Amino acid sequence: MAETYGILTSGGDTPGLNAAIRSIGKTLMHLSGAKLIGFNDGFRGLAENRFCTLGDRELSGILIRGGTILGSSRDKPHRMPVNGEIVDMTDVIVENCRKNQLTGLFCLGGGGTQKNALRLAKAGINVITLPKTIDNDIIETDTSFGFDTALGIATEAIDRLHSTAHSHHRIIIVETMGHNVGWLALGAGLAGGADVILLPEIPYSEKKIAEAIEKRRSMGKRFSIVAIAEGSMPIERYRKFRREVTADLQPDTPKGVIAKLIAVRNDEYRNRNSAVLAESLEKITGKEARVTILGHLQRGGSPSAYDRNLATHLGSRAVQEAFAGNWEKMIAVRGSSLKPVSLEKTVRDKKYIPHNHPWIISAKNMGITLGD
């Protein structure tokens, strides 16, 4: 009797999810004739035992489609809303896996999914995960599928805004996603020719941004493009939050924990950062400033060729590791190779941009202002 495997997609939708689903399903069928069932709406579908069979017909034609044919949610196995209450559904999920006679479960998602998959692994379920996120913030992997597509979309947006900025002699502020990390803003800012790039990892000074814009004007350049990640914050607010956070922590608290707590404090301001920055720059420079928030546009649409190939390779390797019984792993990208890494390692922190990263150095060498 052929084995049965399960698969789910969790967290925000990301280009490349369908390519990964297709790769896992086709590899299972081709190499062993195994059956794949897909649980709808992430871990919630697994808890409610809602699934569909993913055969050749269901997998046909989905490679180029964005989003996920399985649907997604941000529900957590151990904290799931049920009839107005928060319930631990881990035992129910384990029972559903046994009921469906699953040999293993493939979980496709970002940092939260890695944590939830690890909890299920500790509960006795055979789990392998794939890294997907447009934020590129999962540690232990060089990149994740979805990032390249979102980077291309954000870059094209900056490209298009150049003409408006130039025509009206304006400051154009382009806000990308990136709550805790700034890979998307940094990559798109470099590729799109932004004059200022603002990141969560580097708190900014509005005065220094204005000085950079004034310097450009003195050189005869009558417009400026500012790329800002949504989680970026002014230096004054960062210092205030850091004082508040560290007052209650031990001296040896990891930097990542501190950064996360500061980001949480910044949440209530996050949706206003770009607008407040625009107002401040208008007052200081006397130039009109306009804000474009890319939002969910960045993670929609068909995946790039790179993301299709990456998701395909990751899916195929995940099946190979499953056949080898190498569970409780995430398939990571290391240079030009793929490597299974312990889920324990993937949940320790986020992948922040190091201040000595080549992209940061290149930006500074070219005179791009990072606000510090």
Protein backbone atom coordinates (compact mmCIF):
# COMPACT_ATOMS: atom_id res chain seq x y z
CA MET A 1 0.00 0.00 0.00
CA ALA A 2 1.35 3.43 -0.99
CA GLU A 3 2.35 5.77 1.79
CA THR A 4 0.42 9.00 2.48
CA TYR A 5 2.00 12.36 3.20
CA GLY A 6 0.37 15.63 4.20
CA ILE A 7 1.19 19.21 3.24
CA LEU A 8 0.03 22.64 4.39
CA THR A 9 0.85 26.30 3.77
CA SER A 10 0.82 28.68 6.71
CA GLY A 11 1.24 32.41 7.34
CA GLY A 12 1.14 35.06 4.62
CA ASP A 13 0.71 33.97 1.01
CA THR A 14 3.94 34.09 -0.96
CA PRO A 15 4.81 33.58 -4.64
CA GLY A 16 6.28 30.10 -5.12
CA LEU A 17 4.03 28.19 -2.71
CA ASN A 18 2.19 26.43 -5.53
CA ALA A 19 5.48 25.60 -7.23
CA ALA A 20 6.65 23.93 -4.00
CA ILE A 21 3.37 22.03 -3.57
CA ARG A 22 3.64 20.83 -7.16
CA SER A 23 7.25 19.76 -6.73
CA ILE A 24 6.55 17.74 -3.58
CA GLY A 25 3.50 16.07 -5.08
CA LYS A 26 5.11 15.18 -8.39
CA THR A 27 8.32 13.94 -6.74
CA LEU A 28 6.34 11.69 -4.39
CA MET A 29 4.33 10.25 -7.27
CA HIS A 30 7.30 9.75 -9.57
CA LEU A 31 9.73 8.23 -7.07
CA SER A 32 7.41 6.03 -5.03
CA GLY A 33 3.78 6.38 -6.05
CA ALA A 34 3.04 7.91 -2.64
CA LYS A 35 -0.16 9.84 -2.04
CA LEU A 36 -0.22 13.52 -1.05
CA ILE A 37 -3.10 15.23 0.73
CA GLY A 38 -3.25 18.99 1.25
CA PHE A 39 -4.74 20.49 4.38
CA ASN A 40 -6.75 23.64 3.78
CA ASP A 41 -6.01 26.93 5.53
CA GLY A 42 -2.81 25.99 7.32
CA PHE A 43 -2.78 24.44 10.77
CA ARG A 44 -6.49 25.20 11.19
CA GLY A 45 -7.34 22.80 8.38
CA LEU A 46 -5.10 20.19 10.00
CA ALA A 47 -6.94 20.63 13.30
CA GLU A 48 -10.33 20.42 11.59
CA ASN A 49 -9.21 17.58 9.30
CA ARG A 50 -10.16 19.46 6.13
CA PHE A 51 -8.07 18.25 3.22
CA CYS A 52 -8.04 17.44 -0.47
CA THR A 53 -6.13 14.86 -2.50
CA LEU A 54 -3.34 16.36 -4.59
CA GLY A 55 -3.00 14.13 -7.61
CA ASP A 56 -1.70 14.84 -11.08
CA ARG A 57 -4.87 16.70 -12.09
CA GLU A 58 -4.82 18.98 -9.02
CA LEU A 59 -1.12 19.77 -9.48
CA SER A 60 -1.39 20.53 -13.18
CA GLY A 61 -1.09 24.18 -14.21
CA ILE A 62 -0.33 25.60 -10.75
CA LEU A 63 3.41 26.30 -11.25
CA ILE A 64 2.83 29.85 -12.49
CA ARG A 65 0.06 30.76 -10.06
CA GLY A 66 0.65 33.08 -7.11
CA GLY A 67 -0.82 32.53 -3.66
CA THR A 68 -1.58 28.99 -2.53
CA ILE A 69 -4.21 26.58 -3.82
CA LEU A 70 -4.54 25.22 -0.28
CA GLY A 71 -5.36 28.50 1.39
CA SER A 72 -3.52 29.75 4.46
CA SER A 73 -4.02 31.14 7.95
CA ARG A 74 -1.95 32.37 10.86
CA ASP A 75 -3.59 30.05 13.40
CA LYS A 76 -1.20 28.26 15.76
CA PRO A 77 -1.74 24.64 16.82
CA HIS A 78 -1.36 25.47 20.51
CA ARG A 79 -3.32 28.74 20.43
CA MET A 80 -6.24 28.32 18.05
CA PRO A 81 -9.48 30.34 18.28
CA VAL A 82 -12.38 27.92 18.67
CA ASN A 83 -15.90 29.19 19.46
CA GLY A 84 -14.55 32.38 20.97
CA GLU A 85 -11.90 30.66 23.10
CA ILE A 86 -8.18 30.01 22.60
CA VAL A 87 -7.65 26.25 22.59
CA ASP A 88 -4.58 24.01 22.39
CA MET A 89 -5.38 21.76 19.40
CA THR A 90 -2.05 19.90 19.34
CA ASP A 91 -3.53 16.57 20.52
CA VAL A 92 -6.33 16.85 17.95
CA ILE A 93 -3.79 17.48 15.21
CA VAL A 94 -1.72 14.46 16.27
CA GLU A 95 -4.83 12.31 16.20
CA ASN A 96 -5.80 13.58 12.72
CA CYS A 97 -2.34 12.71 11.41
CA ARG A 98 -2.71 9.20 12.78
CA LYS A 99 -6.25 8.90 11.46
CA ASN A 100 -5.04 9.77 7.97
CA GLN A 101 -2.05 7.41 8.38
CA LEU A 102 0.44 10.11 7.47
CA THR A 103 4.02 9.03 7.09
CA GLY A 104 5.06 12.66 7.35
CA LEU A 105 3.92 16.27 7.07
CA PHE A 106 5.42 19.03 4.92
CA CYS A 107 4.91 22.55 6.34
CA LEU A 108 5.59 25.51 4.06
CA GLY A 109 5.99 28.85 5.80
CA GLY A 110 8.01 31.54 7.49
CA GLY A 111 9.37 31.96 10.99
CA GLY A 112 6.06 31.30 12.74
CA THR A 113 5.52 28.14 10.73
CA GLN A 114 8.97 26.85 11.69
CA LYS A 115 8.06 27.28 15.37
CA ASN A 116 4.68 25.61 15.00
CA ALA A 117 6.18 22.73 13.01
CA LEU A 118 8.76 22.21 15.75
CA ARG A 119 5.96 21.97 18.34
CA LEU A 120 4.27 19.28 16.25
CA ALA A 121 7.57 17.45 15.86
CA LYS A 122 7.97 17.43 19.64
CA ALA A 123 4.44 16.01 19.86
CA GLY A 124 5.47 13.04 17.71
CA ILE A 125 4.65 14.06 14.13
CA ASN A 126 7.24 13.54 11.38
CA VAL A 127 7.76 17.05 10.00
CA ILE A 128 9.89 18.69 7.31
CA THR A 129 9.58 22.39 6.47
CA LEU A 130 10.44 24.70 3.60
CA PRO A 131 11.40 28.38 4.07
CA LYS A 132 9.03 30.85 2.44
CA THR A 133 8.80 34.57 3.11
CA ILE A 134 9.18 37.78 1.15
CA ASP A 135 11.01 39.29 4.15
CA ASN A 136 14.02 36.94 3.84
CA ASP A 137 14.23 36.87 7.64
CA ILE A 138 14.56 33.11 8.35
CA ILE A 139 17.92 32.24 9.87
CA GLU A 140 19.99 29.26 8.74
CA THR A 141 19.06 29.83 5.08
CA ASP A 142 20.61 32.26 2.61
CA THR A 143 17.25 33.01 1.05
CA SER A 144 13.65 31.82 0.89
CA PHE A 145 11.24 31.52 -1.99
CA GLY A 146 9.04 34.58 -2.43
CA PHE A 147 11.79 37.08 -1.70
CA ASP A 148 13.03 37.36 -5.28
CA THR A 149 9.54 37.98 -6.65
CA ALA A 150 8.75 40.63 -4.05
CA LEU A 151 12.14 42.24 -4.62
CA GLY A 152 11.40 42.51 -8.33
CA ILE A 153 7.98 44.06 -7.71
CA ALA A 154 9.34 46.61 -5.23
CA THR A 155 12.20 47.49 -7.59
CA GLU A 156 9.80 48.03 -10.49
CA ALA A 157 7.67 50.30 -8.30
CA ILE A 158 10.70 52.45 -7.48
CA ASP A 159 11.63 52.50 -11.17
CA ARG A 160 8.19 53.82 -12.07
CA LEU A 161 8.18 56.44 -9.32
CA HIS A 162 11.40 57.98 -10.61
CA SER A 163 9.55 59.68 -13.46
CA THR A 164 6.98 61.29 -11.16
CA ALA A 165 9.63 62.39 -8.68
CA HIS A 166 11.70 63.90 -11.49
CA SER A 167 8.77 65.60 -13.22
CA HIS A 168 7.42 67.28 -10.08
CA HIS A 169 10.73 67.79 -8.23
CA ARG A 170 9.40 65.88 -5.26
CA ILE A 171 10.59 63.66 -2.48
CA ILE A 172 8.99 60.26 -3.07
CA ILE A 173 8.90 57.89 -0.09
CA VAL A 174 8.33 54.24 -1.05
CA GLU A 175 7.37 51.97 1.85
CA THR A 176 8.07 48.26 1.52
CA MET A 177 7.14 45.41 3.81
CA GLY A 178 9.63 44.50 6.49
CA HIS A 179 8.38 44.64 10.06
CA ASN A 180 11.59 43.53 11.77
CA VAL A 181 14.16 43.33 8.98
CA GLY A 182 14.97 45.44 5.93
CA TRP A 183 16.19 43.04 3.25
CA LEU A 184 13.38 44.02 0.88
CA ALA A 185 13.85 47.77 1.27
CA LEU A 186 17.63 47.47 1.01
CA GLY A 187 17.60 45.23 -2.06
CA ALA A 188 14.92 47.21 -3.88
CA GLY A 189 16.48 50.51 -2.88
CA LEU A 190 19.83 49.49 -4.33
CA ALA A 191 18.33 47.98 -7.49
CA GLY A 192 15.92 50.89 -7.99
CA GLY A 193 18.46 53.66 -7.43
CA ALA A 194 17.00 55.08 -4.21
CA ASP A 195 18.89 58.01 -2.69
CA VAL A 196 17.93 57.16 0.90
CA ILE A 197 17.30 53.67 2.31
CA LEU A 198 15.83 53.25 5.79
CA LEU A 199 15.91 49.94 7.64
CA PRO A 200 14.63 48.57 10.98
CA GLU A 201 18.21 47.56 11.76
CA ILE A 202 19.48 51.16 11.52
CA PRO A 203 17.38 53.81 13.34
CA TYR A 204 17.29 57.02 11.33
CA SER A 205 17.73 60.73 11.92
CA GLU A 206 15.26 62.91 10.02
CA LYS A 207 17.81 65.73 10.13
CA LYS A 208 20.46 63.60 8.39
CA ILE A 209 17.96 62.51 5.73
CA ALA A 210 17.05 66.14 5.09
CA GLU A 211 20.74 67.07 4.88
CA ALA A 212 21.28 64.38 2.24
CA ILE A 213 18.33 65.69 0.23
CA GLU A 214 19.61 69.27 0.50
CA LYS A 215 23.04 68.13 -0.64
CA ARG A 216 21.46 66.57 -3.72
CA ARG A 217 19.63 69.82 -4.44
CA SER A 218 22.88 71.78 -4.15
CA MET A 219 24.26 69.47 -6.86
CA GLY A 220 21.37 70.33 -9.17
CA LYS A 221 19.32 67.21 -8.43
CA ARG A 222 15.75 68.31 -7.89
CA PHE A 223 14.17 65.10 -6.59
CA SER A 224 14.93 62.27 -4.16
CA ILE A 225 13.70 58.72 -3.71
CA VAL A 226 13.46 57.31 -0.18
CA ALA A 227 12.98 53.54 0.26
CA ILE A 228 11.79 52.70 3.76
CA ALA A 229 10.92 49.38 5.40
CA GLU A 230 7.68 49.55 7.37
CA GLY A 231 9.42 48.71 10.66
CA SER A 232 12.00 51.49 10.45
CA MET A 233 11.93 54.09 13.21
CA PRO A 234 13.49 57.43 14.21
CA ILE A 235 16.53 57.25 16.46
CA GLU A 236 14.76 59.11 19.30
CA ARG A 237 11.96 56.55 19.44
CA TYR A 238 14.42 53.67 19.19
CA ARG A 239 16.45 54.97 22.11
CA LYS A 240 13.31 55.49 24.20
CA PHE A 241 12.04 51.96 23.52
CA ARG A 242 15.46 50.46 24.14
CA ARG A 243 15.67 52.13 27.55
CA GLU A 244 12.20 50.87 28.45
CA VAL A 245 12.87 47.34 27.23
CA THR A 246 16.33 46.82 28.69
CA ALA A 247 15.32 48.16 32.10
CA ASP A 248 13.46 44.90 32.74
CA LEU A 249 15.96 42.50 31.13
CA GLN A 250 19.10 40.70 32.20
CA PRO A 251 22.44 42.05 30.88
CA ASP A 252 23.05 38.88 28.85
CA THR A 253 19.69 38.98 27.03
CA PRO A 254 20.28 38.16 23.33
CA LYS A 255 20.24 41.10 20.93
CA GLY A 256 17.53 39.42 18.89
CA VAL A 257 15.17 39.34 21.86
CA ILE A 258 15.77 43.03 22.50
CA ALA A 259 15.18 43.85 18.83
CA LYS A 260 11.90 41.91 18.85
CA LEU A 261 10.65 43.69 21.96
CA ILE A 262 11.52 47.07 20.46
CA ALA A 263 9.66 46.11 17.26
CA VAL A 264 6.59 45.20 19.32
CA ARG A 265 6.68 48.62 21.02
CA ASN A 266 6.95 50.20 17.57
CA ASP A 267 3.82 48.46 16.26
CA GLU A 268 1.37 51.22 17.13
CA TYR A 269 3.49 53.75 15.21
CA ARG A 270 4.42 51.50 12.31
CA ASN A 271 1.57 52.44 9.97
CA ARG A 272 2.29 56.16 10.40
CA ASN A 273 6.07 56.22 10.04
CA SER A 274 6.19 57.09 6.35
CA ALA A 275 3.52 59.80 6.62
CA VAL A 276 5.22 61.42 9.62
CA LEU A 277 8.58 61.30 7.83
CA ALA A 278 7.05 62.95 4.75
CA GLU A 279 5.61 65.79 6.87
CA SER A 280 8.94 66.33 8.62
CA LEU A 281 10.95 66.39 5.39
CA GLU A 282 8.52 68.88 3.84
CA LYS A 283 8.96 71.23 6.79
CA ILE A 284 12.75 70.93 6.83
CA THR A 285 13.43 71.04 3.08
CA GLY A 286 10.47 73.01 1.76
CA LYS A 287 9.98 70.35 -0.93
CA GLU A 288 6.79 68.39 -1.52
CA ALA A 289 6.93 64.81 -0.25
CA ARG A 290 4.60 62.01 -1.29
CA VAL A 291 4.23 58.49 0.13
CA THR A 292 3.57 55.27 -1.77
CA ILE A 293 2.89 52.21 0.40
CA LEU A 294 3.34 49.04 -1.63
CA GLY A 295 1.73 46.76 0.96
CA HIS A 296 0.34 43.42 -0.16
CA LEU A 297 1.06 44.26 -3.79
CA GLN A 298 4.59 43.00 -3.13
CA ARG A 299 3.60 39.41 -2.43
CA GLY A 300 0.96 38.98 -5.11
CA GLY A 301 1.05 37.66 -8.65
CA SER A 302 3.02 35.02 -10.47
CA PRO A 303 6.38 33.94 -8.97
CA SER A 304 9.61 34.86 -10.74
CA ALA A 305 11.57 32.21 -12.59
CA TYR A 306 14.10 32.16 -9.74
CA ASP A 307 11.41 31.53 -7.13
CA ARG A 308 9.77 28.82 -9.24
CA ASN A 309 13.08 27.02 -9.58
CA LEU A 310 14.01 27.51 -5.93
CA ALA A 311 10.65 26.23 -4.69
CA THR A 312 10.91 23.27 -7.06
CA HIS A 313 14.40 22.33 -5.86
CA LEU A 314 13.42 22.73 -2.20
CA GLY A 315 10.32 20.57 -2.65
CA SER A 316 12.23 17.80 -4.38
CA ARG A 317 14.92 17.79 -1.69
CA ALA A 318 12.28 17.71 1.06
CA VAL A 319 10.89 14.48 -0.36
CA GLN A 320 14.37 12.95 -0.54
CA GLU A 321 14.95 13.79 3.13
CA ALA A 322 11.55 12.35 4.03
CA PHE A 323 12.38 9.08 2.28
CA ALA A 324 15.63 9.01 4.26
CA GLY A 325 13.73 9.51 7.52
CA ASN A 326 15.51 12.80 8.18
CA TRP A 327 12.66 14.50 10.05
CA GLU A 328 12.41 17.66 12.16
CA LYS A 329 14.38 19.59 9.55
CA MET A 330 14.03 22.68 7.39
CA ILE A 331 15.54 22.52 3.91
CA ALA A 332 17.88 25.52 3.79
CA VAL A 333 19.70 27.27 0.95
CA ARG A 334 23.47 27.43 1.44
CA GLY A 335 25.21 29.05 -1.51
CA SER A 336 24.38 26.92 -4.55
CA SER A 337 23.45 23.90 -2.41
CA LEU A 338 20.55 22.79 -0.25
CA LYS A 339 21.03 21.49 3.27
CA PRO A 340 18.62 20.11 5.89
CA VAL A 341 19.02 21.98 9.20
CA SER A 342 17.51 21.28 12.60
CA LEU A 343 14.23 23.07 13.28
CA GLU A 344 15.65 23.91 16.68
CA LYS A 345 18.16 26.20 14.96
CA THR A 346 15.61 27.94 12.73
CA VAL A 347 13.50 29.31 15.59
CA ARG A 348 16.24 30.96 17.65
CA ASP A 349 16.17 34.38 16.02
CA LYS A 350 15.44 36.37 12.88
CA LYS A 351 17.96 37.02 10.12
CA TYR A 352 18.73 40.70 10.62
CA ILE A 353 20.94 42.59 8.17
CA PRO A 354 24.49 42.82 9.56
CA HIS A 355 25.89 46.35 9.46
CA ASN A 356 28.90 45.00 7.56
CA HIS A 357 26.81 43.22 4.93
CA PRO A 358 28.08 43.80 1.35
CA TRP A 359 24.81 45.51 0.38
CA ILE A 360 25.20 47.97 3.26
CA ILE A 361 28.83 48.64 2.39
CA SER A 362 28.00 49.14 -1.29
CA ALA A 363 25.23 51.60 -0.42
CA LYS A 364 27.51 53.67 1.80
CA ASN A 365 30.34 53.58 -0.73
CA MET A 366 28.02 55.08 -3.34
CA GLY A 367 26.84 57.83 -1.00
CA ILE A 368 23.37 56.42 -0.36
CA THR A 369 22.11 57.71 2.98
CA LEU A 370 20.94 55.12 5.53
CA GLY A 371 19.76 57.72 8.01
CA ASP A 372 22.46 57.10 10.60
